Amino acid sequence: MSGTQPPPRPEYHPGSAEPRLNRPVAERYPQIRSTSGYGDPRIRHTGPGPGAGTDQEPERSARLTARLVLALTVVVGQLWALTITVDSWMEGHVGTAWWGAGFLCLSFLVVLALWRLDPKDR
C-alpha cells in the first residue's frame, strides 16, 4: 500500500467540454435498460396529459372515498373486537368470546359486500 489516492473523478454536467463525459447513458451505466419510454419509438409524449391531477369523475371519487372510510372503520372495529374476544377467551368467558367471533365474521361479510358492490371499480 503506497498511500497514493486515485485521481479525483471529473465533475459531470450535461454538455460537458470533455467528450468522454458525454457518452450515451447505456455506455456509462450498462445495467440501465431503456424501459421508461425513451427507447420505444411509439412513445411520442411522456408524462401526464392536460388536466392531470384534477378530478375527472367526482361522483366516483366520492363513492370510493365513502367505501374506503367504511372499510377502514370496519377494520378498526375488527381489531378492537379481536382484542376483546381474545381477552375474554383467556379469562374463561367463553360466551363473550363466541359473540366476539360472531361479530368478527359479520364484519368480514360487511367488507366483502362493500368490495362486491361495484365490480368496475376494481
PDB file of N, CA and C in Angstrom:
ATOM      1  N   MET A   1       0.838  -1.161   0.000  1.00  0.00           N
ATOM      2  CA  MET A   1       0.000   0.000   0.000  1.00  0.00           C
ATOM      3  C   MET A   1       0.889   1.232   0.000  1.00  0.00           C
ATOM      4  N   SER A   2       0.828   1.990  -1.046  1.00  0.00           N
ATOM      5  CA  SER A   2       1.740   3.112  -1.207  1.00  0.00           C
ATOM      6  C   SER A   2       1.189   4.403  -0.630  1.00  0.00           C
ATOM      7  N   GLY A   3      -0.119   4.458  -0.304  1.00  0.00           N
ATOM      8  CA  GLY A   3      -0.671   5.668   0.287  1.00  0.00           C
ATOM      9  C   GLY A   3      -1.120   6.684  -0.746  1.00  0.00           C
ATOM     10  N   THR A   4      -0.978   6.354  -2.041  1.00  0.00           N
ATOM     11  CA  THR A   4      -1.438   7.305  -3.049  1.00  0.00           C
ATOM     12  C   THR A   4      -2.930   7.099  -3.275  1.00  0.00           C
ATOM     13  N   GLN A   5      -3.597   8.169  -3.507  1.00  0.00           N
ATOM     14  CA  GLN A   5      -5.037   8.098  -3.745  1.00  0.00           C
ATOM     15  C   GLN A   5      -5.296   8.190  -5.242  1.00  0.00           C
ATOM     16  N   PRO A   6      -6.390   7.562  -5.685  1.00  0.00           N
ATOM     17  CA  PRO A   6      -6.699   7.659  -7.114  1.00  0.00           C
ATOM     18  C   PRO A   6      -7.046   9.103  -7.476  1.00  0.00           C
ATOM     19  N   PRO A   7      -6.849   9.426  -8.742  1.00  0.00           N
ATOM     20  CA  PRO A   7      -7.157  10.802  -9.144  1.00  0.00           C
ATOM     21  C   PRO A   7      -8.652  11.076  -8.958  1.00  0.00           C
ATOM     22  N   PRO A   8      -9.017  12.278  -8.615  1.00  0.00           N
ATOM     23  CA  PRO A   8     -10.433  12.592  -8.395  1.00  0.00           C
ATOM     24  C   PRO A   8     -11.215  12.476  -9.703  1.00  0.00           C
ATOM     25  N   ARG A   9     -12.436  12.051  -9.566  1.00  0.00           N
ATOM     26  CA  ARG A   9     -13.293  11.930 -10.744  1.00  0.00           C
ATOM     27  C   ARG A   9     -13.644  13.327 -11.266  1.00  0.00           C
ATOM     28  N   PRO A  10     -13.716  13.463 -12.576  1.00  0.00           N
ATOM     29  CA  PRO A  10     -14.112  14.769 -13.099  1.00  0.00           C
ATOM     30  C   PRO A  10     -15.596  14.999 -12.820  1.00  0.00           C
ATOM     31  N   GLU A  11     -15.938  16.240 -12.583  1.00  0.00           N
ATOM     32  CA  GLU A  11     -17.337  16.583 -12.320  1.00  0.00           C
ATOM     33  C   GLU A  11     -18.122  16.501 -13.627  1.00  0.00           C
ATOM     34  N   TYR A  12     -19.237  15.782 -13.584  1.00  0.00           N
ATOM     35  CA  TYR A  12     -20.060  15.623 -14.781  1.00  0.00           C
ATOM     36  C   TYR A  12     -21.174  16.643 -14.783  1.00  0.00           C
ATOM     37  N   HIS A  13     -21.353  17.238 -15.910  1.00  0.00           N
ATOM     38  CA  HIS A  13     -22.542  18.065 -16.131  1.00  0.00           C
ATOM     39  C   HIS A  13     -22.914  17.919 -17.598  1.00  0.00           C
ATOM     40  N   PRO A  14     -24.237  17.948 -17.898  1.00  0.00           N
ATOM     41  CA  PRO A  14     -24.666  17.739 -19.287  1.00  0.00           C
ATOM     42  C   PRO A  14     -23.987  18.739 -20.219  1.00  0.00           C
ATOM     43  N   GLY A  15     -23.598  18.240 -21.358  1.00  0.00           N
ATOM     44  CA  GLY A  15     -22.936  19.105 -22.344  1.00  0.00           C
ATOM     45  C   GLY A  15     -21.530  19.471 -21.915  1.00  0.00           C
ATOM     46  N   SER A  16     -20.858  18.548 -21.303  1.00  0.00           N
ATOM     47  CA  SER A  16     -19.512  18.820 -20.813  1.00  0.00           C
ATOM     48  C   SER A  16     -18.550  19.071 -21.975  1.00  0.00           C
ATOM     49  N   ALA A  17     -17.508  19.814 -21.685  1.00  0.00           N
ATOM     50  CA  ALA A  17     -16.495  20.084 -22.712  1.00  0.00           C
ATOM     51  C   ALA A  17     -15.644  18.851 -22.988  1.00  0.00           C
ATOM     52  N   GLU A  18     -15.638  17.919 -22.059  1.00  0.00           N
ATOM     53  CA  GLU A  18     -14.864  16.700 -22.261  1.00  0.00           C
ATOM     54  C   GLU A  18     -15.743  15.653 -22.949  1.00  0.00           C
ATOM     55  N   PRO A  19     -15.381  15.239 -24.152  1.00  0.00           N
ATOM     56  CA  PRO A  19     -16.215  14.305 -24.900  1.00  0.00           C
ATOM     57  C   PRO A  19     -16.415  12.972 -24.190  1.00  0.00           C
ATOM     58  N   ARG A  20     -15.465  12.524 -23.401  1.00  0.00           N
ATOM     59  CA  ARG A  20     -15.617  11.237 -22.739  1.00  0.00           C
ATOM     60  C   ARG A  20     -16.736  11.248 -21.695  1.00  0.00           C
ATOM     61  N   LEU A  21     -17.127  12.420 -21.240  1.00  0.00           N
ATOM     62  CA  LEU A  21     -18.219  12.509 -20.283  1.00  0.00           C
ATOM     63  C   LEU A  21     -19.583  12.583 -20.964  1.00  0.00           C
ATOM     64  N   ASN A  22     -19.601  12.762 -22.268  1.00  0.00           N
ATOM     65  CA  ASN A  22     -20.859  12.895 -22.990  1.00  0.00           C
ATOM     66  C   ASN A  22     -21.280  11.601 -23.680  1.00  0.00           C
ATOM     67  N   ARG A  23     -20.784  10.491 -23.193  1.00  0.00           N
ATOM     68  CA  ARG A  23     -21.172   9.212 -23.773  1.00  0.00           C
ATOM     69  C   ARG A  23     -22.647   8.948 -23.485  1.00  0.00           C
ATOM     70  N   PRO A  24     -23.276   8.109 -24.297  1.00  0.00           N
ATOM     71  CA  PRO A  24     -24.664   7.743 -24.005  1.00  0.00           C
ATOM     72  C   PRO A  24     -24.767   7.036 -22.659  1.00  0.00           C
ATOM     73  N   VAL A  25     -25.936   7.109 -22.071  1.00  0.00           N
ATOM     74  CA  VAL A  25     -26.151   6.529 -20.752  1.00  0.00           C
ATOM     75  C   VAL A  25     -25.873   5.029 -20.766  1.00  0.00           C
ATOM     76  N   ALA A  26     -26.214   4.339 -21.844  1.00  0.00           N
ATOM     77  CA  ALA A  26     -26.019   2.884 -21.911  1.00  0.00           C
ATOM     78  C   ALA A  26     -24.549   2.520 -21.766  1.00  0.00           C
ATOM     79  N   GLU A  27     -23.658   3.383 -22.214  1.00  0.00           N
ATOM     80  CA  GLU A  27     -22.232   3.098 -22.072  1.00  0.00           C
ATOM     81  C   GLU A  27     -21.747   3.376 -20.658  1.00  0.00           C
ATOM     82  N   ARG A  28     -22.255   4.433 -20.038  1.00  0.00           N
ATOM     83  CA  ARG A  28     -21.812   4.761 -18.682  1.00  0.00           C
ATOM     84  C   ARG A  28     -22.414   3.825 -17.656  1.00  0.00           C
ATOM     85  N   TYR A  29     -23.688   3.467 -17.857  1.00  0.00           N
ATOM     86  CA  TYR A  29     -24.398   2.604 -16.908  1.00  0.00           C
ATOM     87  C   TYR A  29     -25.020   1.447 -17.688  1.00  0.00           C
ATOM     88  N   PRO A  30     -24.287   0.369 -17.927  1.00  0.00           N
ATOM     89  CA  PRO A  30     -24.821  -0.712 -18.759  1.00  0.00           C
ATOM     90  C   PRO A  30     -25.998  -1.446 -18.125  1.00  0.00           C
ATOM     91  N   GLN A  31     -26.193  -1.312 -16.803  1.00  0.00           N
ATOM     92  CA  GLN A  31     -27.307  -2.016 -16.178  1.00  0.00           C
ATOM     93  C   GLN A  31     -28.643  -1.317 -16.416  1.00  0.00           C
ATOM     94  N   ILE A  32     -28.629  -0.085 -16.870  1.00  0.00           N
ATOM     95  CA  ILE A  32     -29.879   0.639 -17.124  1.00  0.00           C
ATOM     96  C   ILE A  32     -30.431   0.217 -18.478  1.00  0.00           C
ATOM     97  N   ARG A  33     -31.674  -0.179 -18.489  1.00  0.00           N
ATOM     98  CA  ARG A  33     -32.337  -0.577 -19.728  1.00  0.00           C
ATOM     99  C   ARG A  33     -33.296   0.524 -20.159  1.00  0.00           C
ATOM    100  N   SER A  34     -33.553   0.592 -21.426  1.00  0.00           N
ATOM    101  CA  SER A  34     -34.447   1.634 -21.938  1.00  0.00           C
ATOM    102  C   SER A  34     -35.886   1.167 -21.808  1.00  0.00           C
ATOM    103  N   THR A  35     -36.416   1.237 -20.580  1.00  0.00           N
ATOM    104  CA  THR A  35     -37.782   0.786 -20.346  1.00  0.00           C
ATOM    105  C   THR A  35     -38.723   1.914 -19.977  1.00  0.00           C
ATOM    106  N   SER A  36     -38.233   3.117 -19.877  1.00  0.00           N
ATOM    107  CA  SER A  36     -39.093   4.197 -19.415  1.00  0.00           C
ATOM    108  C   SER A  36     -39.699   5.002 -20.556  1.00  0.00           C
ATOM    109  N   GLY A  37     -39.682   4.506 -21.754  1.00  0.00           N
ATOM    110  CA  GLY A  37     -40.361   5.183 -22.849  1.00  0.00           C
ATOM    111  C   GLY A  37     -39.430   5.829 -23.853  1.00  0.00           C
ATOM    112  N   TYR A  38     -38.249   6.254 -23.428  1.00  0.00           N
ATOM    113  CA  TYR A  38     -37.379   6.941 -24.377  1.00  0.00           C
ATOM    114  C   TYR A  38     -36.772   5.976 -25.386  1.00  0.00           C
ATOM    115  N   GLY A  39     -36.794   4.662 -25.096  1.00  0.00           N
ATOM    116  CA  GLY A  39     -36.243   3.702 -26.037  1.00  0.00           C
ATOM    117  C   GLY A  39     -37.278   3.164 -27.009  1.00  0.00           C
ATOM    118  N   ASP A  40     -38.554   3.475 -26.777  1.00  0.00           N
ATOM    119  CA  ASP A  40     -39.642   2.956 -27.604  1.00  0.00           C
ATOM    120  C   ASP A  40     -40.054   4.025 -28.608  1.00  0.00           C
ATOM    121  N   PRO A  41     -39.907   3.754 -29.912  1.00  0.00           N
ATOM    122  CA  PRO A  41     -40.232   4.790 -30.907  1.00  0.00           C
ATOM    123  C   PRO A  41     -41.723   5.116 -30.962  1.00  0.00           C
ATOM    124  N   ARG A  42     -42.578   4.230 -30.395  1.00  0.00           N
ATOM    125  CA  ARG A  42     -44.013   4.517 -30.415  1.00  0.00           C
ATOM    126  C   ARG A  42     -44.394   5.599 -29.417  1.00  0.00           C
ATOM    127  N   ILE A  43     -43.547   5.839 -28.412  1.00  0.00           N
ATOM    128  CA  ILE A  43     -43.844   6.842 -27.395  1.00  0.00           C
ATOM    129  C   ILE A  43     -43.449   8.208 -27.932  1.00  0.00           C
ATOM    130  N   ARG A  44     -44.427   9.063 -28.086  1.00  0.00           N
ATOM    131  CA  ARG A  44     -44.140  10.405 -28.573  1.00  0.00           C
ATOM    132  C   ARG A  44     -44.148  11.424 -27.436  1.00  0.00           C
ATOM    133  N   HIS A  45     -45.072  11.280 -26.509  1.00  0.00           N
ATOM    134  CA  HIS A  45     -45.191  12.219 -25.399  1.00  0.00           C
ATOM    135  C   HIS A  45     -45.112  11.444 -24.094  1.00  0.00           C
ATOM    136  N   THR A  46     -44.284  11.912 -23.192  1.00  0.00           N
ATOM    137  CA  THR A  46     -44.204  11.274 -21.892  1.00  0.00           C
ATOM    138  C   THR A  46     -44.811  12.197 -20.854  1.00  0.00           C
ATOM    139  N   GLY A  47     -45.198  11.626 -19.751  1.00  0.00           N
ATOM    140  CA  GLY A  47     -45.761  12.420 -18.674  1.00  0.00           C
ATOM    141  C   GLY A  47     -47.254  12.553 -18.811  1.00  0.00           C
ATOM    142  N   PRO A  48     -47.869  13.151 -17.809  1.00  0.00           N
ATOM    143  CA  PRO A  48     -49.322  13.284 -17.818  1.00  0.00           C
ATOM    144  C   PRO A  48     -49.790  14.299 -18.845  1.00  0.00           C
ATOM    145  N   GLY A  49     -50.979  14.072 -19.328  1.00  0.00           N
ATOM    146  CA  GLY A  49     -51.563  14.974 -20.312  1.00  0.00           C
ATOM    147  C   GLY A  49     -52.251  16.150 -19.655  1.00  0.00           C
ATOM    148  N   PRO A  50     -52.952  16.924 -20.447  1.00  0.00           N
ATOM    149  CA  PRO A  50     -53.645  18.083 -19.890  1.00  0.00           C
ATOM    150  C   PRO A  50     -54.741  17.634 -18.923  1.00  0.00           C
ATOM    151  N   GLY A  51     -54.901  18.363 -17.848  1.00  0.00           N
ATOM    152  CA  GLY A  51     -55.912  18.035 -16.859  1.00  0.00           C
ATOM    153  C   GLY A  51     -55.459  17.005 -15.856  1.00  0.00           C
ATOM    154  N   ALA A  52     -54.195  16.618 -15.877  1.00  0.00           N
ATOM    155  CA  ALA A  52     -53.711  15.617 -14.933  1.00  0.00           C
ATOM    156  C   ALA A  52     -53.744  16.188 -13.526  1.00  0.00           C
ATOM    157  N   GLY A  53     -54.147  15.364 -12.612  1.00  0.00           N
ATOM    158  CA  GLY A  53     -54.205  15.792 -11.232  1.00  0.00           C
ATOM    159  C   GLY A  53     -55.547  16.377 -10.839  1.00  0.00           C
ATOM    160  N   THR A  54     -56.414  16.622 -11.798  1.00  0.00           N
ATOM    161  CA  THR A  54     -57.742  17.122 -11.468  1.00  0.00           C
ATOM    162  C   THR A  54     -58.705  15.956 -11.419  1.00  0.00           C
ATOM    163  N   ASP A  55     -59.772  16.122 -10.707  1.00  0.00           N
ATOM    164  CA  ASP A  55     -60.740  15.047 -10.547  1.00  0.00           C
ATOM    165  C   ASP A  55     -61.629  14.985 -11.778  1.00  0.00           C
ATOM    166  N   GLN A  56     -61.524  13.897 -12.523  1.00  0.00           N
ATOM    167  CA  GLN A  56     -62.299  13.751 -13.750  1.00  0.00           C
ATOM    168  C   GLN A  56     -63.718  13.264 -13.463  1.00  0.00           C
ATOM    169  N   GLU A  57     -63.888  12.434 -12.420  1.00  0.00           N
ATOM    170  CA  GLU A  57     -65.198  11.897 -12.060  1.00  0.00           C
ATOM    171  C   GLU A  57     -65.408  12.099 -10.562  1.00  0.00           C
ATOM    172  N   PRO A  58     -65.945  13.240 -10.152  1.00  0.00           N
ATOM    173  CA  PRO A  58     -66.091  13.489  -8.713  1.00  0.00           C
ATOM    174  C   PRO A  58     -67.051  12.525  -8.022  1.00  0.00           C
ATOM    175  N   GLU A  59     -68.084  12.032  -8.746  1.00  0.00           N
ATOM    176  CA  GLU A  59     -69.025  11.094  -8.122  1.00  0.00           C
ATOM    177  C   GLU A  59     -68.333   9.776  -7.789  1.00  0.00           C
ATOM    178  N   ARG A  60     -67.512   9.299  -8.715  1.00  0.00           N
ATOM    179  CA  ARG A  60     -66.784   8.047  -8.480  1.00  0.00           C
ATOM    180  C   ARG A  60     -65.812   8.222  -7.326  1.00  0.00           C
ATOM    181  N   SER A  61     -65.157   9.354  -7.287  1.00  0.00           N
ATOM    182  CA  SER A  61     -64.212   9.614  -6.204  1.00  0.00           C
ATOM    183  C   SER A  61     -64.922   9.644  -4.853  1.00  0.00           C
ATOM    184  N   ALA A  62     -66.092  10.235  -4.812  1.00  0.00           N
ATOM    185  CA  ALA A  62     -66.854  10.287  -3.563  1.00  0.00           C
ATOM    186  C   ALA A  62     -67.292   8.882  -3.139  1.00  0.00           C
ATOM    187  N   ARG A  63     -67.725   8.069  -4.103  1.00  0.00           N
ATOM    188  CA  ARG A  63     -68.124   6.693  -3.781  1.00  0.00           C
ATOM    189  C   ARG A  63     -66.950   5.898  -3.232  1.00  0.00           C
ATOM    190  N   LEU A  64     -65.802   6.009  -3.898  1.00  0.00           N
ATOM    191  CA  LEU A  64     -64.628   5.261  -3.457  1.00  0.00           C
ATOM    192  C   LEU A  64     -64.156   5.716  -2.083  1.00  0.00           C
ATOM    193  N   THR A  65     -64.204   7.018  -1.835  1.00  0.00           N
ATOM    194  CA  THR A  65     -63.795   7.541  -0.531  1.00  0.00           C
ATOM    195  C   THR A  65     -64.733   7.050   0.558  1.00  0.00           C
ATOM    196  N   ALA A  66     -66.036   7.063   0.293  1.00  0.00           N
ATOM    197  CA  ALA A  66     -67.006   6.586   1.285  1.00  0.00           C
ATOM    198  C   ALA A  66     -66.798   5.102   1.577  1.00  0.00           C
ATOM    199  N   ARG A  67     -66.568   4.317   0.536  1.00  0.00           N
ATOM    200  CA  ARG A  67     -66.335   2.882   0.741  1.00  0.00           C
ATOM    201  C   ARG A  67     -65.043   2.646   1.511  1.00  0.00           C
ATOM    202  N   LEU A  68     -64.027   3.448   1.219  1.00  0.00           N
ATOM    203  CA  LEU A  68     -62.755   3.311   1.933  1.00  0.00           C
ATOM    204  C   LEU A  68     -62.919   3.653   3.410  1.00  0.00           C
ATOM    205  N   VAL A  69     -63.653   4.714   3.715  1.00  0.00           N
ATOM    206  CA  VAL A  69     -63.882   5.101   5.110  1.00  0.00           C
ATOM    207  C   VAL A  69     -64.660   4.011   5.833  1.00  0.00           C
ATOM    208  N   LEU A  70     -65.695   3.453   5.193  1.00  0.00           N
ATOM    209  CA  LEU A  70     -66.453   2.365   5.804  1.00  0.00           C
ATOM    210  C   LEU A  70     -65.573   1.145   6.065  1.00  0.00           C
ATOM    211  N   ALA A  71     -64.771   0.784   5.075  1.00  0.00           N
ATOM    212  CA  ALA A  71     -63.911  -0.389   5.227  1.00  0.00           C
ATOM    213  C   ALA A  71     -62.881  -0.173   6.333  1.00  0.00           C
ATOM    214  N   LEU A  72     -62.293   1.015   6.414  1.00  0.00           N
ATOM    215  CA  LEU A  72     -61.316   1.290   7.462  1.00  0.00           C
ATOM    216  C   LEU A  72     -61.967   1.289   8.840  1.00  0.00           C
ATOM    217  N   THR A  73     -63.195   1.801   8.923  1.00  0.00           N
ATOM    218  CA  THR A  73     -63.923   1.770  10.188  1.00  0.00           C
ATOM    219  C   THR A  73     -64.177   0.330  10.624  1.00  0.00           C
ATOM    220  N   VAL A  74     -64.561  -0.514   9.675  1.00  0.00           N
ATOM    221  CA  VAL A  74     -64.805  -1.916   9.998  1.00  0.00           C
ATOM    222  C   VAL A  74     -63.511  -2.606  10.425  1.00  0.00           C
ATOM    223  N   VAL A  75     -62.412  -2.288   9.778  1.00  0.00           N
ATOM    224  CA  VAL A  75     -61.130  -2.908  10.138  1.00  0.00           C
ATOM    225  C   VAL A  75     -60.723  -2.507  11.558  1.00  0.00           C
ATOM    226  N   VAL A  76     -60.895  -1.232  11.893  1.00  0.00           N
ATOM    227  CA  VAL A  76     -60.580  -0.794  13.253  1.00  0.00           C
ATOM    228  C   VAL A  76     -61.492  -1.508  14.250  1.00  0.00           C
ATOM    229  N   GLY A  77     -62.774  -1.644  13.912  1.00  0.00           N
ATOM    230  CA  GLY A  77     -63.701  -2.380  14.768  1.00  0.00           C
ATOM    231  C   GLY A  77     -63.303  -3.838  14.913  1.00  0.00           C
ATOM    232  N   GLN A  78     -62.816  -4.428  13.831  1.00  0.00           N
ATOM    233  CA  GLN A  78     -62.367  -5.818  13.903  1.00  0.00           C
ATOM    234  C   GLN A  78     -61.166  -5.968  14.830  1.00  0.00           C
ATOM    235  N   LEU A  79     -60.238  -5.035  14.746  1.00  0.00           N
ATOM    236  CA  LEU A  79     -59.077  -5.111  15.639  1.00  0.00           C
ATOM    237  C   LEU A  79     -59.496  -4.963  17.100  1.00  0.00           C
ATOM    238  N   TRP A  80     -60.415  -4.047  17.370  1.00  0.00           N
ATOM    239  CA  TRP A  80     -60.914  -3.868  18.726  1.00  0.00           C
ATOM    240  C   TRP A  80     -61.626  -5.140  19.192  1.00  0.00           C
ATOM    241  N   ALA A  81     -62.503  -5.678  18.339  1.00  0.00           N
ATOM    242  CA  ALA A  81     -63.257  -6.881  18.706  1.00  0.00           C
ATOM    243  C   ALA A  81     -62.329  -8.078  18.900  1.00  0.00           C
ATOM    244  N   LEU A  82     -61.285  -8.171  18.103  1.00  0.00           N
ATOM    245  CA  LEU A  82     -60.337  -9.273  18.260  1.00  0.00           C
ATOM    246  C   LEU A  82     -59.636  -9.183  19.619  1.00  0.00           C
ATOM    247  N   THR A  83     -59.283  -7.971  20.015  1.00  0.00           N
ATOM    248  CA  THR A  83     -58.656  -7.777  21.317  1.00  0.00           C
ATOM    249  C   THR A  83     -59.596  -8.199  22.444  1.00  0.00           C
ATOM    250  N   ILE A  84     -60.842  -7.745  22.377  1.00  0.00           N
ATOM    251  CA  ILE A  84     -61.825  -8.089  23.401  1.00  0.00           C
ATOM    252  C   ILE A  84     -62.100  -9.595  23.410  1.00  0.00           C
ATOM    253  N   THR A  85     -62.220 -10.187  22.220  1.00  0.00           N
ATOM    254  CA  THR A  85     -62.524 -11.617  22.112  1.00  0.00           C
ATOM    255  C   THR A  85     -61.404 -12.468  22.704  1.00  0.00           C
ATOM    256  N   VAL A  86     -60.177 -12.169  22.364  1.00  0.00           N
ATOM    257  CA  VAL A  86     -59.046 -12.946  22.891  1.00  0.00           C
ATOM    258  C   VAL A  86     -58.937 -12.759  24.402  1.00  0.00           C
ATOM    259  N   ASP A  87     -59.141 -11.515  24.868  1.00  0.00           N
ATOM    260  CA  ASP A  87     -59.090 -11.258  26.304  1.00  0.00           C
ATOM    261  C   ASP A  87     -60.175 -12.048  27.042  1.00  0.00           C
ATOM    262  N   SER A  88     -61.396 -12.065  26.478  1.00  0.00           N
ATOM    263  CA  SER A  88     -62.489 -12.823  27.094  1.00  0.00           C
ATOM    264  C   SER A  88     -62.189 -14.313  27.097  1.00  0.00           C
ATOM    265  N   TRP A  89     -61.666 -14.816  26.011  1.00  0.00           N
ATOM    266  CA  TRP A  89     -61.342 -16.244  25.913  1.00  0.00           C
ATOM    267  C   TRP A  89     -60.298 -16.625  26.963  1.00  0.00           C
ATOM    268  N   MET A  90     -59.282 -15.768  27.131  1.00  0.00           N
ATOM    269  CA  MET A  90     -58.220 -16.068  28.097  1.00  0.00           C
ATOM    270  C   MET A  90     -58.723 -16.005  29.533  1.00  0.00           C
ATOM    271  N   GLU A  91     -59.735 -15.173  29.780  1.00  0.00           N
ATOM    272  CA  GLU A  91     -60.292 -15.084  31.134  1.00  0.00           C
ATOM    273  C   GLU A  91     -61.317 -16.184  31.407  1.00  0.00           C
ATOM    274  N   GLY A  92     -61.671 -16.937  30.375  1.00  0.00           N
ATOM    275  CA  GLY A  92     -62.600 -18.029  30.556  1.00  0.00           C
ATOM    276  C   GLY A  92     -64.053 -17.683  30.278  1.00  0.00           C
ATOM    277  N   HIS A  93     -64.308 -16.486  29.754  1.00  0.00           N
ATOM    278  CA  HIS A  93     -65.668 -16.077  29.402  1.00  0.00           C
ATOM    279  C   HIS A  93     -65.948 -16.531  27.967  1.00  0.00           C
ATOM    280  N   VAL A  94     -66.287 -17.796  27.827  1.00  0.00           N
ATOM    281  CA  VAL A  94     -66.431 -18.404  26.508  1.00  0.00           C
ATOM    282  C   VAL A  94     -67.611 -17.825  25.749  1.00  0.00           C
ATOM    283  N   GLY A  95     -68.711 -17.518  26.441  1.00  0.00           N
ATOM    284  CA  GLY A  95     -69.882 -16.953  25.772  1.00  0.00           C
ATOM    285  C   GLY A  95     -69.567 -15.613  25.115  1.00  0.00           C
ATOM    286  N   THR A  96     -68.863 -14.754  25.847  1.00  0.00           N
ATOM    287  CA  THR A  96     -68.476 -13.446  25.289  1.00  0.00           C
ATOM    288  C   THR A  96     -67.526 -13.634  24.107  1.00  0.00           C
ATOM    289  N   ALA A  97     -66.647 -14.613  24.222  1.00  0.00           N
ATOM    290  CA  ALA A  97     -65.701 -14.866  23.133  1.00  0.00           C
ATOM    291  C   ALA A  97     -66.434 -15.308  21.869  1.00  0.00           C
ATOM    292  N   TRP A  98     -67.471 -16.140  22.023  1.00  0.00           N
ATOM    293  CA  TRP A  98     -68.220 -16.569  20.831  1.00  0.00           C
ATOM    294  C   TRP A  98     -68.986 -15.406  20.206  1.00  0.00           C
ATOM    295  N   TRP A  99     -69.531 -14.513  21.040  1.00  0.00           N
ATOM    296  CA  TRP A  99     -70.198 -13.327  20.480  1.00  0.00           C
ATOM    297  C   TRP A  99     -69.187 -12.466  19.709  1.00  0.00           C
ATOM    298  N   GLY A 100     -67.992 -12.345  20.258  1.00  0.00           N
ATOM    299  CA  GLY A 100     -66.943 -11.583  19.566  1.00  0.00           C
ATOM    300  C   GLY A 100     -66.553 -12.226  18.246  1.00  0.00           C
ATOM    301  N   ALA A 101     -66.462 -13.553  18.246  1.00  0.00           N
ATOM    302  CA  ALA A 101     -66.131 -14.266  16.998  1.00  0.00           C
ATOM    303  C   ALA A 101     -67.231 -14.071  15.966  1.00  0.00           C
ATOM    304  N   GLY A 102     -68.485 -14.073  16.429  1.00  0.00           N
ATOM    305  CA  GLY A 102     -69.605 -13.813  15.501  1.00  0.00           C
ATOM    306  C   GLY A 102     -69.543 -12.406  14.929  1.00  0.00           C
ATOM    307  N   PHE A 103     -69.183 -11.436  15.775  1.00  0.00           N
ATOM    308  CA  PHE A 103     -69.039 -10.065  15.292  1.00  0.00           C
ATOM    309  C   PHE A 103     -67.936  -9.962  14.250  1.00  0.00           C
ATOM    310  N   LEU A 104     -66.839 -10.650  14.478  1.00  0.00           N
ATOM    311  CA  LEU A 104     -65.734 -10.624  13.515  1.00  0.00           C
ATOM    312  C   LEU A 104     -66.166 -11.207  12.172  1.00  0.00           C
ATOM    313  N   CYS A 105     -66.909 -12.302  12.199  1.00  0.00           N
ATOM    314  CA  CYS A 105     -67.390 -12.906  10.946  1.00  0.00           C
ATOM    315  C   CYS A 105     -68.362 -11.969  10.235  1.00  0.00           C
ATOM    316  N   LEU A 106     -69.269 -11.347  11.000  1.00  0.00           N
ATOM    317  CA  LEU A 106     -70.234 -10.421  10.407  1.00  0.00           C
ATOM    318  C   LEU A 106     -69.539  -9.208   9.790  1.00  0.00           C
ATOM    319  N   SER A 107     -68.547  -8.665  10.470  1.00  0.00           N
ATOM    320  CA  SER A 107     -67.847  -7.503   9.924  1.00  0.00           C
ATOM    321  C   SER A 107     -67.038  -7.873   8.687  1.00  0.00           C
ATOM    322  N   PHE A 108     -66.520  -9.107   8.637  1.00  0.00           N
ATOM    323  CA  PHE A 108     -65.846  -9.558   7.419  1.00  0.00           C
ATOM    324  C   PHE A 108     -66.830  -9.613   6.253  1.00  0.00           C
ATOM    325  N   LEU A 109     -68.042 -10.086   6.513  1.00  0.00           N
ATOM    326  CA  LEU A 109     -69.066 -10.132   5.456  1.00  0.00           C
ATOM    327  C   LEU A 109     -69.456  -8.735   4.992  1.00  0.00           C
ATOM    328  N   VAL A 110     -69.452  -7.762   5.892  1.00  0.00           N
ATOM    329  CA  VAL A 110     -69.743  -6.372   5.505  1.00  0.00           C
ATOM    330  C   VAL A 110     -68.665  -5.857   4.552  1.00  0.00           C
ATOM    331  N   VAL A 111     -67.410  -6.107   4.877  1.00  0.00           N
ATOM    332  CA  VAL A 111     -66.321  -5.661   3.990  1.00  0.00           C
ATOM    333  C   VAL A 111     -66.398  -6.385   2.657  1.00  0.00           C
ATOM    334  N   LEU A 112     -66.727  -7.652   2.662  1.00  0.00           N
ATOM    335  CA  LEU A 112     -66.875  -8.409   1.417  1.00  0.00           C
ATOM    336  C   LEU A 112     -68.011  -7.835   0.569  1.00  0.00           C
ATOM    337  N   ALA A 113     -69.116  -7.451   1.204  1.00  0.00           N
ATOM    338  CA  ALA A 113     -70.234  -6.842   0.472  1.00  0.00           C
ATOM    339  C   ALA A 113     -69.823  -5.498  -0.113  1.00  0.00           C
ATOM    340  N   LEU A 114     -69.052  -4.715   0.627  1.00  0.00           N
ATOM    341  CA  LEU A 114     -68.563  -3.433   0.092  1.00  0.00           C
ATOM    342  C   LEU A 114     -67.660  -3.661  -1.109  1.00  0.00           C
ATOM    343  N   TRP A 115     -66.859  -4.704  -1.058  1.00  0.00           N
ATOM    344  CA  TRP A 115     -65.947  -4.995  -2.163  1.00  0.00           C
ATOM    345  C   TRP A 115     -66.713  -5.424  -3.410  1.00  0.00           C
ATOM    346  N   ARG A 116     -67.787  -6.196  -3.222  1.00  0.00           N
ATOM    347  CA  ARG A 116     -68.555  -6.694  -4.368  1.00  0.00           C
ATOM    348  C   ARG A 116     -69.584  -5.686  -4.866  1.00  0.00           C
ATOM    349  N   LEU A 117     -69.711  -4.566  -4.198  1.00  0.00           N
ATOM    350  CA  LEU A 117     -70.747  -3.579  -4.511  1.00  0.00           C
ATOM    351  C   LEU A 117     -70.634  -3.074  -5.937  1.00  0.00           C
ATOM    352  N   ASP A 118     -69.444  -2.708  -6.362  1.00  0.00           N
ATOM    353  CA  ASP A 118     -69.269  -2.135  -7.701  1.00  0.00           C
ATOM    354  C   ASP A 118     -68.044  -2.770  -8.357  1.00  0.00           C
ATOM    355  N   PRO A 119     -68.249  -3.835  -9.162  1.00  0.00           N
ATOM    356  CA  PRO A 119     -67.098  -4.558  -9.720  1.00  0.00           C
ATOM    357  C   PRO A 119     -66.256  -3.741 -10.688  1.00  0.00           C
ATOM    358  N   LYS A 120     -66.790  -2.698 -11.306  1.00  0.00           N
ATOM    359  CA  LYS A 120     -65.977  -1.963 -12.290  1.00  0.00           C
ATOM    360  C   LYS A 120     -64.919  -1.078 -11.630  1.00  0.00           C
ATOM    361  N   ASP A 121     -65.034  -0.861 -10.311  1.00  0.00           N
ATOM    362  CA  ASP A 121     -64.038  -0.035  -9.621  1.00  0.00           C
ATOM    363  C   ASP A 121     -62.831  -0.837  -9.153  1.00  0.00           C
ATOM    364  N   ARG A 122     -62.813  -2.132  -9.424  1.00  0.00           N
ATOM    365  CA  ARG A 122     -61.669  -2.944  -9.006  1.00  0.00           C
ATOM    366  C   ARG A 122     -60.599  -2.921 -10.033  1.00  0.00           C
TER     367      ARG A 122
END
